[in-house]
């Protein structure tokens, strides 16, 4: 039986918004909202948090473990290794990558991408190659075999820091498939990197969580159409700032 595990990567020392994973949203730390929403994806059999071995991330690891969620602690900078070791330890045949700064992640979007992966023979399926979903609904699904190959062969610092960069950079080695939303919603920013992002997400939760415990992409879009001023809260921030910065600092490493 294929085991699909969701691995959420997170740490506490973001330079732009320190301790963002522990910030309060409607009485609950941000990371627990991420975990809860990933758990609502029916395709995922186990959810694992992958954080670092540093003492600064101990409160994060302890919090998640109190919720009964397994935690793998690994290298801070080599996130590819952290993912590979976590997937190995928890016997994942199919890995769903979610980042811990996406408290609006949509379980339905996760299930759609996992099902396409399982129905075909791709190595990697995502909705991020040509973004048409809101930033913050990013989902990547890949096989353990593809992860292992990337772990063995990736030598650029950007390919070690960003788990799937090696896979995405080598379409001659891996079969890739990109899922596009029928309507391009890439203008929306729903991830949390800076204070404005957190302010925006808190507004969304304040308005929607009263109506239903888990709300979805369509609910948020409808709210933003009714209240377009909410989009202005974090409109100035560029998509994928962290990855673009790491590309500028790229170098080869010895393995």
C-alpha atoms as a PDB file:
ATOM      1  CA  UNK A   1       0.000   0.000   0.000  1.00  0.00           C
ATOM      2  CA  UNK A   2       1.396   3.383  -0.980  1.00  0.00           C
ATOM      3  CA  UNK A   3       1.990   5.582   2.055  1.00  0.00           C
ATOM      4  CA  UNK A   4       1.406   9.278   1.467  1.00  0.00           C
ATOM      5  CA  UNK A   5       2.938  11.524   4.110  1.00  0.00           C
ATOM      6  CA  UNK A   6       2.743  15.264   4.410  1.00  0.00           C
ATOM      7  CA  UNK A   7       5.991  16.822   5.592  1.00  0.00           C
ATOM      8  CA  UNK A   8       5.680  20.377   6.857  1.00  0.00           C
ATOM      9  CA  UNK A   9       8.964  22.265   7.091  1.00  0.00           C
ATOM     10  CA  UNK A  10       9.193  25.005   9.682  1.00  0.00           C
ATOM     11  CA  UNK A  11      11.576  26.845  11.967  1.00  0.00           C
ATOM     12  CA  UNK A  12      11.314  29.847  14.269  1.00  0.00           C
ATOM     13  CA  UNK A  13      14.098  32.238  13.247  1.00  0.00           C
ATOM     14  CA  UNK A  14      12.717  33.948  10.163  1.00  0.00           C
ATOM     15  CA  UNK A  15      14.623  37.211   9.705  1.00  0.00           C
ATOM     16  CA  UNK A  16      11.604  39.045   8.325  1.00  0.00           C
ATOM     17  CA  UNK A  17       9.120  37.847  10.962  1.00  0.00           C
ATOM     18  CA  UNK A  18      10.830  36.047  13.875  1.00  0.00           C
ATOM     19  CA  UNK A  19       8.821  33.252  15.544  1.00  0.00           C
ATOM     20  CA  UNK A  20       6.176  33.489  12.835  1.00  0.00           C
ATOM     21  CA  UNK A  21       5.243  29.823  13.193  1.00  0.00           C
ATOM     22  CA  UNK A  22       4.227  30.468  16.801  1.00  0.00           C
ATOM     23  CA  UNK A  23       2.320  33.703  16.177  1.00  0.00           C
ATOM     24  CA  UNK A  24      -1.262  33.699  17.376  1.00  0.00           C
ATOM     25  CA  UNK A  25      -4.141  33.471  14.939  1.00  0.00           C
ATOM     26  CA  UNK A  26      -7.564  33.302  16.566  1.00  0.00           C
ATOM     27  CA  UNK A  27      -6.150  31.858  19.792  1.00  0.00           C
ATOM     28  CA  UNK A  28      -3.982  29.197  18.176  1.00  0.00           C
ATOM     29  CA  UNK A  29      -0.322  29.212  17.011  1.00  0.00           C
ATOM     30  CA  UNK A  30       0.051  29.573  13.251  1.00  0.00           C
ATOM     31  CA  UNK A  31       1.766  26.187  12.837  1.00  0.00           C
ATOM     32  CA  UNK A  32      -1.188  24.358  14.387  1.00  0.00           C
ATOM     33  CA  UNK A  33      -3.503  25.932  11.820  1.00  0.00           C
ATOM     34  CA  UNK A  34      -1.223  24.627   9.064  1.00  0.00           C
ATOM     35  CA  UNK A  35      -1.173  21.127  10.572  1.00  0.00           C
ATOM     36  CA  UNK A  36      -4.931  21.053  11.105  1.00  0.00           C
ATOM     37  CA  UNK A  37      -5.637  22.031   7.516  1.00  0.00           C
ATOM     38  CA  UNK A  38      -3.166  19.484   6.118  1.00  0.00           C
ATOM     39  CA  UNK A  39      -4.779  16.806   8.292  1.00  0.00           C
ATOM     40  CA  UNK A  40      -8.099  17.552   6.603  1.00  0.00           C
ATOM     41  CA  UNK A  41      -6.653  16.380   3.294  1.00  0.00           C
ATOM     42  CA  UNK A  42      -8.096  12.871   2.987  1.00  0.00           C
ATOM     43  CA  UNK A  43      -5.214  11.691   0.793  1.00  0.00           C
ATOM     44  CA  UNK A  44      -2.560  12.168   3.492  1.00  0.00           C
ATOM     45  CA  UNK A  45      -2.015   9.251   5.864  1.00  0.00           C
ATOM     46  CA  UNK A  46       0.509  10.878   8.200  1.00  0.00           C
ATOM     47  CA  UNK A  47       1.640  14.431   8.915  1.00  0.00           C
ATOM     48  CA  UNK A  48       5.219  15.092  10.072  1.00  0.00           C
ATOM     49  CA  UNK A  49       6.897  18.321  11.117  1.00  0.00           C
ATOM     50  CA  UNK A  50      10.486  18.710   9.888  1.00  0.00           C
ATOM     51  CA  UNK A  51      12.372  21.300  11.901  1.00  0.00           C
ATOM     52  CA  UNK A  52      15.984  21.817  12.973  1.00  0.00           C
ATOM     53  CA  UNK A  53      18.128  20.467  15.786  1.00  0.00           C
ATOM     54  CA  UNK A  54      18.847  23.952  17.125  1.00  0.00           C
ATOM     55  CA  UNK A  55      17.656  24.840  20.616  1.00  0.00           C
ATOM     56  CA  UNK A  56      15.771  27.841  19.230  1.00  0.00           C
ATOM     57  CA  UNK A  57      13.379  25.413  17.504  1.00  0.00           C
ATOM     58  CA  UNK A  58      12.748  23.284  20.596  1.00  0.00           C
ATOM     59  CA  UNK A  59       9.595  25.220  21.623  1.00  0.00           C
ATOM     60  CA  UNK A  60       8.197  24.626  18.133  1.00  0.00           C
ATOM     61  CA  UNK A  61       9.009  20.906  18.233  1.00  0.00           C
ATOM     62  CA  UNK A  62       7.605  20.545  21.766  1.00  0.00           C
ATOM     63  CA  UNK A  63       4.374  22.329  20.857  1.00  0.00           C
ATOM     64  CA  UNK A  64       3.742  20.112  17.847  1.00  0.00           C
ATOM     65  CA  UNK A  65       4.571  16.929  19.731  1.00  0.00           C
ATOM     66  CA  UNK A  66       2.015  17.800  22.410  1.00  0.00           C
ATOM     67  CA  UNK A  67      -0.572  17.587  19.620  1.00  0.00           C
ATOM     68  CA  UNK A  68       0.490  14.025  18.817  1.00  0.00           C
ATOM     69  CA  UNK A  69       2.277  14.995  15.604  1.00  0.00           C
ATOM     70  CA  UNK A  70       5.641  13.292  14.954  1.00  0.00           C
ATOM     71  CA  UNK A  71       8.627  15.596  14.586  1.00  0.00           C
ATOM     72  CA  UNK A  72      11.894  15.045  12.749  1.00  0.00           C
ATOM     73  CA  UNK A  73      14.753  17.375  13.684  1.00  0.00           C
ATOM     74  CA  UNK A  74      17.598  17.770  11.227  1.00  0.00           C
ATOM     75  CA  UNK A  75      19.981  20.144   9.489  1.00  0.00           C
ATOM     76  CA  UNK A  76      19.113  23.841   9.469  1.00  0.00           C
ATOM     77  CA  UNK A  77      20.466  24.777   6.032  1.00  0.00           C
ATOM     78  CA  UNK A  78      20.327  21.447   4.186  1.00  0.00           C
ATOM     79  CA  UNK A  79      16.554  21.220   4.105  1.00  0.00           C
ATOM     80  CA  UNK A  80      16.750  18.591   1.362  1.00  0.00           C
ATOM     81  CA  UNK A  81      18.578  16.311   3.779  1.00  0.00           C
ATOM     82  CA  UNK A  82      16.039  17.100   6.493  1.00  0.00           C
ATOM     83  CA  UNK A  83      13.194  16.073   4.171  1.00  0.00           C
ATOM     84  CA  UNK A  84      14.961  12.957   2.987  1.00  0.00           C
ATOM     85  CA  UNK A  85      15.714  11.778   6.517  1.00  0.00           C
ATOM     86  CA  UNK A  86      12.160  12.514   7.670  1.00  0.00           C
ATOM     87  CA  UNK A  87      10.659  10.652   4.702  1.00  0.00           C
ATOM     88  CA  UNK A  88      12.991   7.721   5.343  1.00  0.00           C
ATOM     89  CA  UNK A  89      12.246   7.562   9.056  1.00  0.00           C
ATOM     90  CA  UNK A  90       8.468   7.637   8.538  1.00  0.00           C
ATOM     91  CA  UNK A  91       8.462   5.350   5.484  1.00  0.00           C
ATOM     92  CA  UNK A  92       6.893   7.736   3.005  1.00  0.00           C
ATOM     93  CA  UNK A  93       6.520   6.386  -0.523  1.00  0.00           C
ATOM     94  CA  UNK A  94       4.878   9.618  -1.667  1.00  0.00           C
ATOM     95  CA  UNK A  95       5.799  12.938  -0.071  1.00  0.00           C
ATOM     96  CA  UNK A  96       3.618  16.029   0.041  1.00  0.00           C
ATOM     97  CA  UNK A  97       5.702  19.126   0.736  1.00  0.00           C
ATOM     98  CA  UNK A  98       4.047  21.963   2.621  1.00  0.00           C
ATOM     99  CA  UNK A  99       5.808  24.935   4.194  1.00  0.00           C
ATOM    100  CA  UNK A 100       4.966  26.004   7.723  1.00  0.00           C
ATOM    101  CA  UNK A 101       4.143  29.584   6.737  1.00  0.00           C
ATOM    102  CA  UNK A 102       0.933  28.722   4.862  1.00  0.00           C
ATOM    103  CA  UNK A 103      -1.959  28.862   7.370  1.00  0.00           C
ATOM    104  CA  UNK A 104      -4.502  29.092   4.542  1.00  0.00           C
ATOM    105  CA  UNK A 105      -3.351  25.913   2.787  1.00  0.00           C
ATOM    106  CA  UNK A 106      -6.375  24.226   1.192  1.00  0.00           C
ATOM    107  CA  UNK A 107      -7.022  20.510   1.888  1.00  0.00           C
ATOM    108  CA  UNK A 108      -9.002  20.214  -1.353  1.00  0.00           C
ATOM    109  CA  UNK A 109      -6.068  21.535  -3.387  1.00  0.00           C
ATOM    110  CA  UNK A 110      -3.759  19.049  -1.661  1.00  0.00           C
ATOM    111  CA  UNK A 111      -6.111  16.160  -2.469  1.00  0.00           C
ATOM    112  CA  UNK A 112      -6.419  17.206  -6.117  1.00  0.00           C
ATOM    113  CA  UNK A 113      -2.660  17.238  -6.625  1.00  0.00           C
ATOM    114  CA  UNK A 114      -2.077  13.964  -4.753  1.00  0.00           C
ATOM    115  CA  UNK A 115      -4.778  12.203  -6.768  1.00  0.00           C
ATOM    116  CA  UNK A 116      -3.248  13.300 -10.073  1.00  0.00           C
ATOM    117  CA  UNK A 117       0.137  12.082  -8.856  1.00  0.00           C
ATOM    118  CA  UNK A 118      -1.295   8.688  -7.864  1.00  0.00           C
ATOM    119  CA  UNK A 119      -3.259   8.247 -11.086  1.00  0.00           C
ATOM    120  CA  UNK A 120      -0.252   8.786 -13.347  1.00  0.00           C
ATOM    121  CA  UNK A 121       3.440   7.978 -13.353  1.00  0.00           C
ATOM    122  CA  UNK A 122       4.979  11.383 -12.794  1.00  0.00           C
ATOM    123  CA  UNK A 123       7.931  11.903 -10.480  1.00  0.00           C
ATOM    124  CA  UNK A 124       6.716  15.316  -9.402  1.00  0.00           C
ATOM    125  CA  UNK A 125       3.331  17.067  -9.498  1.00  0.00           C
ATOM    126  CA  UNK A 126       2.758  20.621  -8.319  1.00  0.00           C
ATOM    127  CA  UNK A 127       0.747  23.801  -8.792  1.00  0.00           C
ATOM    128  CA  UNK A 128       3.812  26.072  -8.694  1.00  0.00           C
ATOM    129  CA  UNK A 129       5.770  25.781 -11.965  1.00  0.00           C
ATOM    130  CA  UNK A 130       3.586  28.430 -13.569  1.00  0.00           C
ATOM    131  CA  UNK A 131       1.632  29.800 -10.617  1.00  0.00           C
ATOM    132  CA  UNK A 132      -2.122  30.114 -11.066  1.00  0.00           C
ATOM    133  CA  UNK A 133      -3.037  29.506  -7.421  1.00  0.00           C
ATOM    134  CA  UNK A 134      -2.649  32.045  -4.620  1.00  0.00           C
ATOM    135  CA  UNK A 135       0.803  32.272  -3.065  1.00  0.00           C
ATOM    136  CA  UNK A 136       0.343  30.241   0.110  1.00  0.00           C
ATOM    137  CA  UNK A 137      -1.546  27.371  -1.505  1.00  0.00           C
ATOM    138  CA  UNK A 138       1.654  25.848  -2.902  1.00  0.00           C
ATOM    139  CA  UNK A 139       1.686  22.043  -2.918  1.00  0.00           C
ATOM    140  CA  UNK A 140       4.420  19.736  -4.223  1.00  0.00           C
ATOM    141  CA  UNK A 141       4.022  15.955  -4.453  1.00  0.00           C
ATOM    142  CA  UNK A 142       6.902  13.677  -5.372  1.00  0.00           C
ATOM    143  CA  UNK A 143       8.068  10.112  -5.006  1.00  0.00           C
ATOM    144  CA  UNK A 144      10.551   8.944  -2.430  1.00  0.00           C
ATOM    145  CA  UNK A 145      12.687   7.700  -5.313  1.00  0.00           C
ATOM    146  CA  UNK A 146      12.861  11.208  -6.830  1.00  0.00           C
ATOM    147  CA  UNK A 147      13.657  12.707  -3.421  1.00  0.00           C
ATOM    148  CA  UNK A 148      16.432  10.183  -2.904  1.00  0.00           C
ATOM    149  CA  UNK A 149      17.945  10.946  -6.307  1.00  0.00           C
ATOM    150  CA  UNK A 150      17.891  14.672  -5.559  1.00  0.00           C
ATOM    151  CA  UNK A 151      19.433  14.049  -2.131  1.00  0.00           C
ATOM    152  CA  UNK A 152      22.247  12.041  -3.712  1.00  0.00           C
ATOM    153  CA  UNK A 153      23.008  14.398  -6.586  1.00  0.00           C
ATOM    154  CA  UNK A 154      22.171  18.015  -5.662  1.00  0.00           C
ATOM    155  CA  UNK A 155      25.307  20.112  -5.173  1.00  0.00           C
ATOM    156  CA  UNK A 156      24.154  23.737  -5.342  1.00  0.00           C
ATOM    157  CA  UNK A 157      23.374  25.462  -2.057  1.00  0.00           C
ATOM    158  CA  UNK A 158      19.986  26.553  -3.439  1.00  0.00           C
ATOM    159  CA  UNK A 159      19.204  22.917  -4.281  1.00  0.00           C
ATOM    160  CA  UNK A 160      20.006  21.839  -0.723  1.00  0.00           C
ATOM    161  CA  UNK A 161      18.131  24.713   0.911  1.00  0.00           C
ATOM    162  CA  UNK A 162      15.050  24.347  -1.309  1.00  0.00           C
ATOM    163  CA  UNK A 163      13.880  20.750  -1.288  1.00  0.00           C
ATOM    164  CA  UNK A 164      12.599  20.364  -4.836  1.00  0.00           C
ATOM    165  CA  UNK A 165      14.902  22.770  -6.687  1.00  0.00           C
ATOM    166  CA  UNK A 166      17.065  19.956  -8.091  1.00  0.00           C
ATOM    167  CA  UNK A 167      14.003  18.084  -9.361  1.00  0.00           C
ATOM    168  CA  UNK A 168      12.564  21.201 -10.976  1.00  0.00           C
ATOM    169  CA  UNK A 169      15.933  22.144 -12.493  1.00  0.00           C
ATOM    170  CA  UNK A 170      16.329  18.779 -14.228  1.00  0.00           C
ATOM    171  CA  UNK A 171      13.265  17.951 -16.348  1.00  0.00           C
ATOM    172  CA  UNK A 172      15.510  15.635 -18.375  1.00  0.00           C
ATOM    173  CA  UNK A 173      15.841  13.418 -15.282  1.00  0.00           C
ATOM    174  CA  UNK A 174      12.334  13.658 -13.827  1.00  0.00           C
ATOM    175  CA  UNK A 175       8.825  13.713 -15.226  1.00  0.00           C
ATOM    176  CA  UNK A 176       7.137  16.906 -14.049  1.00  0.00           C
ATOM    177  CA  UNK A 177       3.488  17.930 -14.214  1.00  0.00           C
ATOM    178  CA  UNK A 178       2.067  21.343 -13.382  1.00  0.00           C
ATOM    179  CA  UNK A 179      -1.579  21.774 -12.401  1.00  0.00           C
ATOM    180  CA  UNK A 180      -3.262  25.010 -13.393  1.00  0.00           C
ATOM    181  CA  UNK A 181      -6.324  26.523 -11.807  1.00  0.00           C
ATOM    182  CA  UNK A 182      -9.117  27.313 -14.291  1.00  0.00           C
ATOM    183  CA  UNK A 183      -8.947  30.941 -13.136  1.00  0.00           C
ATOM    184  CA  UNK A 184      -5.561  32.583 -12.582  1.00  0.00           C
ATOM    185  CA  UNK A 185      -5.457  33.553  -8.882  1.00  0.00           C
ATOM    186  CA  UNK A 186      -1.702  34.057  -8.657  1.00  0.00           C
ATOM    187  CA  UNK A 187      -2.179  37.746  -7.811  1.00  0.00           C
ATOM    188  CA  UNK A 188      -3.307  36.755  -4.322  1.00  0.00           C
ATOM    189  CA  UNK A 189      -0.746  36.516  -1.529  1.00  0.00           C
ATOM    190  CA  UNK A 190      -1.813  34.223   1.339  1.00  0.00           C
ATOM    191  CA  UNK A 191       1.543  33.118   2.758  1.00  0.00           C
ATOM    192  CA  UNK A 192       3.184  34.611   5.881  1.00  0.00           C
ATOM    193  CA  UNK A 193       6.675  36.084   5.563  1.00  0.00           C
ATOM    194  CA  UNK A 194       6.207  39.552   7.017  1.00  0.00           C
ATOM    195  CA  UNK A 195       4.001  41.355   9.527  1.00  0.00           C
ATOM    196  CA  UNK A 196       1.643  42.563   6.795  1.00  0.00           C
ATOM    197  CA  UNK A 197       1.073  38.955   5.738  1.00  0.00           C
ATOM    198  CA  UNK A 198       0.211  37.986   9.302  1.00  0.00           C
ATOM    199  CA  UNK A 199      -2.168  40.944   9.575  1.00  0.00           C
ATOM    200  CA  UNK A 200      -3.882  39.815   6.373  1.00  0.00           C
ATOM    201  CA  UNK A 201      -4.251  36.181   7.485  1.00  0.00           C
ATOM    202  CA  UNK A 202      -5.625  37.253  10.869  1.00  0.00           C
ATOM    203  CA  UNK A 203      -8.297  39.274   9.063  1.00  0.00           C
ATOM    204  CA  UNK A 204      -9.251  36.253   6.963  1.00  0.00           C
ATOM    205  CA  UNK A 205      -9.537  33.996  10.005  1.00  0.00           C
ATOM    206  CA  UNK A 206     -11.478  36.590  11.974  1.00  0.00           C
ATOM    207  CA  UNK A 207     -14.060  36.844   9.221  1.00  0.00           C
ATOM    208  CA  UNK A 208     -14.322  33.219   8.077  1.00  0.00           C
ATOM    209  CA  UNK A 209     -13.542  30.951  11.043  1.00  0.00           C
ATOM    210  CA  UNK A 210     -16.755  32.003  12.780  1.00  0.00           C
ATOM    211  CA  UNK A 211     -18.756  30.469   9.935  1.00  0.00           C
ATOM    212  CA  UNK A 212     -16.856  27.194   9.494  1.00  0.00           C
ATOM    213  CA  UNK A 213     -13.868  25.480  11.104  1.00  0.00           C
ATOM    214  CA  UNK A 214     -12.165  24.737   7.784  1.00  0.00           C
ATOM    215  CA  UNK A 215     -12.722  27.197   4.967  1.00  0.00           C
ATOM    216  CA  UNK A 216     -11.372  26.874   1.448  1.00  0.00           C
ATOM    217  CA  UNK A 217      -9.866  28.816  -1.423  1.00  0.00           C
ATOM    218  CA  UNK A 218     -13.271  29.668  -2.876  1.00  0.00           C
ATOM    219  CA  UNK A 219     -14.450  31.068   0.467  1.00  0.00           C
ATOM    220  CA  UNK A 220     -11.423  33.369   0.708  1.00  0.00           C
ATOM    221  CA  UNK A 221     -11.764  34.544  -2.900  1.00  0.00           C
ATOM    222  CA  UNK A 222     -15.431  35.350  -2.304  1.00  0.00           C
ATOM    223  CA  UNK A 223     -14.518  37.326   0.824  1.00  0.00           C
ATOM    224  CA  UNK A 224     -11.841  39.285  -1.056  1.00  0.00           C
ATOM    225  CA  UNK A 225     -14.256  40.075  -3.862  1.00  0.00           C
ATOM    226  CA  UNK A 226     -16.651  41.466  -1.277  1.00  0.00           C
ATOM    227  CA  UNK A 227     -13.898  43.343   0.582  1.00  0.00           C
ATOM    228  CA  UNK A 228     -11.120  44.109  -1.962  1.00  0.00           C
ATOM    229  CA  UNK A 229      -9.414  46.492   0.480  1.00  0.00           C
ATOM    230  CA  UNK A 230      -8.110  43.458   2.390  1.00  0.00           C
ATOM    231  CA  UNK A 231      -5.740  42.664  -0.493  1.00  0.00           C
ATOM    232  CA  UNK A 232      -3.947  45.956   0.080  1.00  0.00           C
ATOM    233  CA  UNK A 233      -2.685  44.857   3.510  1.00  0.00           C
ATOM    234  CA  UNK A 234       0.246  42.880   2.025  1.00  0.00           C
ATOM    235  CA  UNK A 235       0.147  43.854  -1.648  1.00  0.00           C
ATOM    236  CA  UNK A 236       3.694  45.280  -1.744  1.00  0.00           C
ATOM    237  CA  UNK A 237       5.499  41.989  -1.019  1.00  0.00           C
ATOM    238  CA  UNK A 238       7.129  39.999  -3.850  1.00  0.00           C
ATOM    239  CA  UNK A 239       6.355  36.322  -4.416  1.00  0.00           C
ATOM    240  CA  UNK A 240       9.139  33.783  -3.633  1.00  0.00           C
ATOM    241  CA  UNK A 241      11.500  36.361  -2.129  1.00  0.00           C
ATOM    242  CA  UNK A 242      13.450  33.715  -0.174  1.00  0.00           C
ATOM    243  CA  UNK A 243      14.161  31.495  -3.164  1.00  0.00           C
ATOM    244  CA  UNK A 244      15.164  34.412  -5.377  1.00  0.00           C
ATOM    245  CA  UNK A 245      17.567  35.595  -2.687  1.00  0.00           C
ATOM    246  CA  UNK A 246      19.186  32.168  -2.362  1.00  0.00           C
ATOM    247  CA  UNK A 247      19.731  31.995  -6.130  1.00  0.00           C
ATOM    248  CA  UNK A 248      21.754  35.210  -5.944  1.00  0.00           C
ATOM    249  CA  UNK A 249      23.943  33.641  -3.256  1.00  0.00           C
ATOM    250  CA  UNK A 250      24.258  30.254  -4.969  1.00  0.00           C
ATOM    251  CA  UNK A 251      27.467  28.222  -4.912  1.00  0.00           C
ATOM    252  CA  UNK A 252      28.540  24.618  -5.249  1.00  0.00           C
ATOM    253  CA  UNK A 253      29.179  22.605  -2.121  1.00  0.00           C
ATOM    254  CA  UNK A 254      31.319  19.553  -1.454  1.00  0.00           C
ATOM    255  CA  UNK A 255      29.454  16.400  -0.572  1.00  0.00           C
END
